[in-house]
């Protein structure tokens, strides 16, 4: 496995990267056409940085870094093919993105993650977060949600937007100081 600049990928590999969005994050990119549009939009954003994990010529994961405001950058997206998860690919991509953000003068890396699957995955799903949001943040349990990955690497919940993806489906904003 090697990590390469996304801009060096062939059209076939870019399609693999888009297919990965559809396969692994279907709530965000339900069709290949929408995923290809995302790839094109990121490719057109010359301020973005993207890295790709490749094994034997196949894309097995990729991550993007978008400029935010001030000294903040956003991780968007981070995706690893399901058969390669829990093998250090996401960790390697995250570290590469964090290094790139630091090189650009970043002090904060933001990662947003919606709990939008039917039934929910975290302790914030299917509850009225408006009742007592600070308590829900303090007692947060990631369950099977990708927020567990970010918490493992030191990200903190810095905000929650209730009902973004429907009633009881919040967006969980996490960040780490670089």
C-alpha atoms as a PDB file:
ATOM      1  CA  UNK A   1       0.000   0.000   0.000  1.00  0.00           C
ATOM      2  CA  UNK A   2       1.213   3.471  -0.812  1.00  0.00           C
ATOM      3  CA  UNK A   3      -0.269   6.929  -0.336  1.00  0.00           C
ATOM      4  CA  UNK A   4      -0.191   9.144  -3.412  1.00  0.00           C
ATOM      5  CA  UNK A   5      -1.508  12.527  -4.451  1.00  0.00           C
ATOM      6  CA  UNK A   6      -5.096  12.194  -5.703  1.00  0.00           C
ATOM      7  CA  UNK A   7      -4.272  14.347  -8.726  1.00  0.00           C
ATOM      8  CA  UNK A   8      -2.035  11.571 -10.103  1.00  0.00           C
ATOM      9  CA  UNK A   9      -4.909   9.070 -10.381  1.00  0.00           C
ATOM     10  CA  UNK A  10      -6.107   7.692 -13.698  1.00  0.00           C
ATOM     11  CA  UNK A  11      -9.752   8.078 -14.739  1.00  0.00           C
ATOM     12  CA  UNK A  12     -10.351   4.452 -13.734  1.00  0.00           C
ATOM     13  CA  UNK A  13      -8.904   5.123 -10.280  1.00  0.00           C
ATOM     14  CA  UNK A  14     -10.992   8.296  -9.898  1.00  0.00           C
ATOM     15  CA  UNK A  15     -14.073   6.229 -10.685  1.00  0.00           C
ATOM     16  CA  UNK A  16     -12.959   3.729  -8.020  1.00  0.00           C
ATOM     17  CA  UNK A  17     -12.677   6.615  -5.547  1.00  0.00           C
ATOM     18  CA  UNK A  18     -16.174   7.805  -6.456  1.00  0.00           C
ATOM     19  CA  UNK A  19     -17.584   4.288  -6.206  1.00  0.00           C
ATOM     20  CA  UNK A  20     -16.101   4.073  -2.722  1.00  0.00           C
ATOM     21  CA  UNK A  21     -18.124   7.133  -1.673  1.00  0.00           C
ATOM     22  CA  UNK A  22     -21.290   5.469  -2.948  1.00  0.00           C
ATOM     23  CA  UNK A  23     -20.464   2.111  -1.349  1.00  0.00           C
ATOM     24  CA  UNK A  24     -19.217   3.325   2.029  1.00  0.00           C
ATOM     25  CA  UNK A  25     -21.082   6.628   2.493  1.00  0.00           C
ATOM     26  CA  UNK A  26     -24.350   6.140   0.569  1.00  0.00           C
ATOM     27  CA  UNK A  27     -26.266   8.651   2.691  1.00  0.00           C
ATOM     28  CA  UNK A  28     -23.991  11.394   1.363  1.00  0.00           C
ATOM     29  CA  UNK A  29     -23.499  10.054  -2.157  1.00  0.00           C
ATOM     30  CA  UNK A  30     -26.317   7.644  -3.076  1.00  0.00           C
ATOM     31  CA  UNK A  31     -25.409   7.419  -6.765  1.00  0.00           C
ATOM     32  CA  UNK A  32     -22.181   7.097  -8.693  1.00  0.00           C
ATOM     33  CA  UNK A  33     -23.107  10.223 -10.659  1.00  0.00           C
ATOM     34  CA  UNK A  34     -23.336  12.258  -7.419  1.00  0.00           C
ATOM     35  CA  UNK A  35     -20.033  10.816  -6.222  1.00  0.00           C
ATOM     36  CA  UNK A  36     -18.382  11.670  -9.562  1.00  0.00           C
ATOM     37  CA  UNK A  37     -19.741  15.224  -9.225  1.00  0.00           C
ATOM     38  CA  UNK A  38     -18.091  15.419  -5.781  1.00  0.00           C
ATOM     39  CA  UNK A  39     -14.783  14.236  -7.255  1.00  0.00           C
ATOM     40  CA  UNK A  40     -15.036  16.846 -10.026  1.00  0.00           C
ATOM     41  CA  UNK A  41     -15.913  19.619  -7.549  1.00  0.00           C
ATOM     42  CA  UNK A  42     -12.952  18.738  -5.338  1.00  0.00           C
ATOM     43  CA  UNK A  43     -10.682  18.487  -8.378  1.00  0.00           C
ATOM     44  CA  UNK A  44     -11.757  21.988  -9.429  1.00  0.00           C
ATOM     45  CA  UNK A  45     -10.998  23.385  -5.967  1.00  0.00           C
ATOM     46  CA  UNK A  46      -7.293  24.137  -6.294  1.00  0.00           C
ATOM     47  CA  UNK A  47      -7.064  24.991  -2.598  1.00  0.00           C
ATOM     48  CA  UNK A  48      -8.008  21.427  -1.641  1.00  0.00           C
ATOM     49  CA  UNK A  49      -5.483  18.689  -0.939  1.00  0.00           C
ATOM     50  CA  UNK A  50      -6.288  15.020  -1.426  1.00  0.00           C
ATOM     51  CA  UNK A  51      -4.388  11.829  -0.742  1.00  0.00           C
ATOM     52  CA  UNK A  52      -5.179   8.342  -1.933  1.00  0.00           C
ATOM     53  CA  UNK A  53      -4.240   4.953  -0.555  1.00  0.00           C
ATOM     54  CA  UNK A  54      -3.485   2.610  -3.443  1.00  0.00           C
ATOM     55  CA  UNK A  55      -2.662  -1.089  -3.405  1.00  0.00           C
ATOM     56  CA  UNK A  56      -1.707  -2.935  -6.604  1.00  0.00           C
ATOM     57  CA  UNK A  57      -3.130  -0.041  -8.632  1.00  0.00           C
ATOM     58  CA  UNK A  58      -6.522  -0.101  -6.879  1.00  0.00           C
ATOM     59  CA  UNK A  59      -7.856   2.752  -4.758  1.00  0.00           C
ATOM     60  CA  UNK A  60      -8.502   1.439  -1.257  1.00  0.00           C
ATOM     61  CA  UNK A  61      -9.050   4.745   0.540  1.00  0.00           C
ATOM     62  CA  UNK A  62      -8.782   8.489   0.186  1.00  0.00           C
ATOM     63  CA  UNK A  63      -9.042  11.686   2.150  1.00  0.00           C
ATOM     64  CA  UNK A  64      -9.439  15.351   1.351  1.00  0.00           C
ATOM     65  CA  UNK A  65      -8.504  18.583   3.077  1.00  0.00           C
ATOM     66  CA  UNK A  66     -10.460  21.767   2.437  1.00  0.00           C
ATOM     67  CA  UNK A  67      -9.499  25.240   3.594  1.00  0.00           C
ATOM     68  CA  UNK A  68     -11.844  26.709   6.164  1.00  0.00           C
ATOM     69  CA  UNK A  69     -11.551  30.143   7.667  1.00  0.00           C
ATOM     70  CA  UNK A  70      -8.799  31.538   9.826  1.00  0.00           C
ATOM     71  CA  UNK A  71      -6.389  28.730  10.652  1.00  0.00           C
ATOM     72  CA  UNK A  72      -9.009  25.969  10.409  1.00  0.00           C
ATOM     73  CA  UNK A  73      -9.135  23.226   7.790  1.00  0.00           C
ATOM     74  CA  UNK A  74     -11.823  20.625   7.151  1.00  0.00           C
ATOM     75  CA  UNK A  75     -11.328  16.924   6.602  1.00  0.00           C
ATOM     76  CA  UNK A  76     -13.639  16.067   3.686  1.00  0.00           C
ATOM     77  CA  UNK A  77     -14.052  13.196   3.139  1.00  0.00           C
ATOM     78  CA  UNK A  78     -12.173  10.306   4.714  1.00  0.00           C
ATOM     79  CA  UNK A  79     -13.246   6.980   3.260  1.00  0.00           C
ATOM     80  CA  UNK A  80     -11.729   3.505   3.254  1.00  0.00           C
ATOM     81  CA  UNK A  81     -13.026   0.559   1.268  1.00  0.00           C
ATOM     82  CA  UNK A  82     -14.835  -1.834   3.623  1.00  0.00           C
ATOM     83  CA  UNK A  83     -12.507  -4.781   2.944  1.00  0.00           C
ATOM     84  CA  UNK A  84      -9.525  -2.606   3.918  1.00  0.00           C
ATOM     85  CA  UNK A  85     -10.976  -1.088   7.093  1.00  0.00           C
ATOM     86  CA  UNK A  86      -9.238  -1.704  10.419  1.00  0.00           C
ATOM     87  CA  UNK A  87      -5.889  -2.204   8.690  1.00  0.00           C
ATOM     88  CA  UNK A  88      -4.375   1.242   9.351  1.00  0.00           C
ATOM     89  CA  UNK A  89      -5.420   2.852   6.054  1.00  0.00           C
ATOM     90  CA  UNK A  90      -7.676   5.473   7.665  1.00  0.00           C
ATOM     91  CA  UNK A  91      -5.023   6.226  10.270  1.00  0.00           C
ATOM     92  CA  UNK A  92      -2.350   6.725   7.609  1.00  0.00           C
ATOM     93  CA  UNK A  93      -4.630   9.001   5.578  1.00  0.00           C
ATOM     94  CA  UNK A  94      -5.643  10.994   8.665  1.00  0.00           C
ATOM     95  CA  UNK A  95      -2.004  11.588   9.624  1.00  0.00           C
ATOM     96  CA  UNK A  96      -1.164  12.647   6.061  1.00  0.00           C
ATOM     97  CA  UNK A  97      -4.068  15.125   6.081  1.00  0.00           C
ATOM     98  CA  UNK A  98      -3.092  16.460   9.511  1.00  0.00           C
ATOM     99  CA  UNK A  99       0.496  16.993   8.326  1.00  0.00           C
ATOM    100  CA  UNK A 100      -0.750  18.812   5.208  1.00  0.00           C
ATOM    101  CA  UNK A 101      -2.967  21.091   7.320  1.00  0.00           C
ATOM    102  CA  UNK A 102      -0.031  21.897   9.621  1.00  0.00           C
ATOM    103  CA  UNK A 103       2.194  22.672   6.615  1.00  0.00           C
ATOM    104  CA  UNK A 104      -0.437  25.174   5.452  1.00  0.00           C
ATOM    105  CA  UNK A 105      -0.420  26.885   8.867  1.00  0.00           C
ATOM    106  CA  UNK A 106      -3.502  25.149  10.220  1.00  0.00           C
ATOM    107  CA  UNK A 107      -4.157  25.029  13.937  1.00  0.00           C
ATOM    108  CA  UNK A 108      -7.496  23.200  13.875  1.00  0.00           C
ATOM    109  CA  UNK A 109      -8.817  20.295  11.833  1.00  0.00           C
ATOM    110  CA  UNK A 110     -12.607  19.955  11.639  1.00  0.00           C
ATOM    111  CA  UNK A 111     -14.464  16.721  10.866  1.00  0.00           C
ATOM    112  CA  UNK A 112     -18.223  16.714  10.527  1.00  0.00           C
ATOM    113  CA  UNK A 113     -20.104  13.458  10.680  1.00  0.00           C
ATOM    114  CA  UNK A 114     -23.826  12.923  10.404  1.00  0.00           C
ATOM    115  CA  UNK A 115     -25.675  10.218  12.312  1.00  0.00           C
ATOM    116  CA  UNK A 116     -28.173   9.710   9.534  1.00  0.00           C
ATOM    117  CA  UNK A 117     -28.604   5.948   9.125  1.00  0.00           C
ATOM    118  CA  UNK A 118     -32.041   4.510   9.840  1.00  0.00           C
ATOM    119  CA  UNK A 119     -32.189   3.707  13.527  1.00  0.00           C
ATOM    120  CA  UNK A 120     -29.079   5.791  14.209  1.00  0.00           C
ATOM    121  CA  UNK A 121     -25.702   4.676  15.470  1.00  0.00           C
ATOM    122  CA  UNK A 122     -24.763   7.051  18.298  1.00  0.00           C
ATOM    123  CA  UNK A 123     -26.350   7.967  21.601  1.00  0.00           C
ATOM    124  CA  UNK A 124     -27.475  11.230  19.959  1.00  0.00           C
ATOM    125  CA  UNK A 125     -29.671   9.514  17.389  1.00  0.00           C
ATOM    126  CA  UNK A 126     -33.435   9.566  17.762  1.00  0.00           C
ATOM    127  CA  UNK A 127     -33.439  11.802  20.826  1.00  0.00           C
ATOM    128  CA  UNK A 128     -34.514  15.394  21.331  1.00  0.00           C
ATOM    129  CA  UNK A 129     -31.134  17.089  21.540  1.00  0.00           C
ATOM    130  CA  UNK A 130     -32.794  20.439  22.199  1.00  0.00           C
ATOM    131  CA  UNK A 131     -33.798  19.243  25.682  1.00  0.00           C
ATOM    132  CA  UNK A 132     -30.296  19.114  27.156  1.00  0.00           C
ATOM    133  CA  UNK A 133     -27.578  19.202  24.503  1.00  0.00           C
ATOM    134  CA  UNK A 134     -24.664  19.653  26.964  1.00  0.00           C
ATOM    135  CA  UNK A 135     -25.687  16.443  28.770  1.00  0.00           C
ATOM    136  CA  UNK A 136     -25.937  14.533  25.491  1.00  0.00           C
ATOM    137  CA  UNK A 137     -22.446  15.706  24.509  1.00  0.00           C
ATOM    138  CA  UNK A 138     -21.016  14.812  27.943  1.00  0.00           C
ATOM    139  CA  UNK A 139     -22.582  11.346  27.831  1.00  0.00           C
ATOM    140  CA  UNK A 140     -21.869  10.709  24.140  1.00  0.00           C
ATOM    141  CA  UNK A 141     -21.438   7.098  23.047  1.00  0.00           C
ATOM    142  CA  UNK A 142     -20.331   6.583  19.424  1.00  0.00           C
ATOM    143  CA  UNK A 143     -21.652   3.054  19.067  1.00  0.00           C
ATOM    144  CA  UNK A 144     -20.803   1.793  15.566  1.00  0.00           C
ATOM    145  CA  UNK A 145     -20.478   5.329  14.150  1.00  0.00           C
ATOM    146  CA  UNK A 146     -17.270   6.700  12.601  1.00  0.00           C
ATOM    147  CA  UNK A 147     -17.021   9.261  15.410  1.00  0.00           C
ATOM    148  CA  UNK A 148     -15.378   6.457  17.431  1.00  0.00           C
ATOM    149  CA  UNK A 149     -12.439   6.615  15.000  1.00  0.00           C
ATOM    150  CA  UNK A 150     -12.023  10.351  15.461  1.00  0.00           C
ATOM    151  CA  UNK A 151     -12.331  10.183  19.262  1.00  0.00           C
ATOM    152  CA  UNK A 152      -9.582   7.538  19.284  1.00  0.00           C
ATOM    153  CA  UNK A 153      -7.204  10.054  17.686  1.00  0.00           C
ATOM    154  CA  UNK A 154      -8.001  12.933  20.036  1.00  0.00           C
ATOM    155  CA  UNK A 155     -10.830  14.740  18.267  1.00  0.00           C
ATOM    156  CA  UNK A 156     -13.356  16.405  20.569  1.00  0.00           C
ATOM    157  CA  UNK A 157     -17.014  17.145  19.953  1.00  0.00           C
ATOM    158  CA  UNK A 158     -17.201  20.901  19.483  1.00  0.00           C
ATOM    159  CA  UNK A 159     -20.801  21.152  18.376  1.00  0.00           C
ATOM    160  CA  UNK A 160     -23.905  19.308  17.349  1.00  0.00           C
ATOM    161  CA  UNK A 161     -26.587  20.449  14.943  1.00  0.00           C
ATOM    162  CA  UNK A 162     -29.805  18.579  15.750  1.00  0.00           C
ATOM    163  CA  UNK A 163     -32.127  17.265  13.030  1.00  0.00           C
ATOM    164  CA  UNK A 164     -29.870  18.148  10.071  1.00  0.00           C
ATOM    165  CA  UNK A 165     -30.692  14.935   8.206  1.00  0.00           C
ATOM    166  CA  UNK A 166     -34.217  14.528   9.634  1.00  0.00           C
ATOM    167  CA  UNK A 167     -35.779  14.397  13.076  1.00  0.00           C
ATOM    168  CA  UNK A 168     -33.313  12.654  15.410  1.00  0.00           C
ATOM    169  CA  UNK A 169     -30.516  12.672  12.810  1.00  0.00           C
ATOM    170  CA  UNK A 170     -27.852  15.156  13.943  1.00  0.00           C
ATOM    171  CA  UNK A 171     -24.600  16.378  12.460  1.00  0.00           C
ATOM    172  CA  UNK A 172     -21.765  15.927  14.947  1.00  0.00           C
ATOM    173  CA  UNK A 173     -18.913  18.426  14.576  1.00  0.00           C
ATOM    174  CA  UNK A 174     -15.539  17.293  15.858  1.00  0.00           C
ATOM    175  CA  UNK A 175     -12.155  19.012  15.853  1.00  0.00           C
ATOM    176  CA  UNK A 176      -8.578  18.526  16.946  1.00  0.00           C
ATOM    177  CA  UNK A 177      -5.828  21.022  17.655  1.00  0.00           C
ATOM    178  CA  UNK A 178      -2.970  20.345  15.268  1.00  0.00           C
END
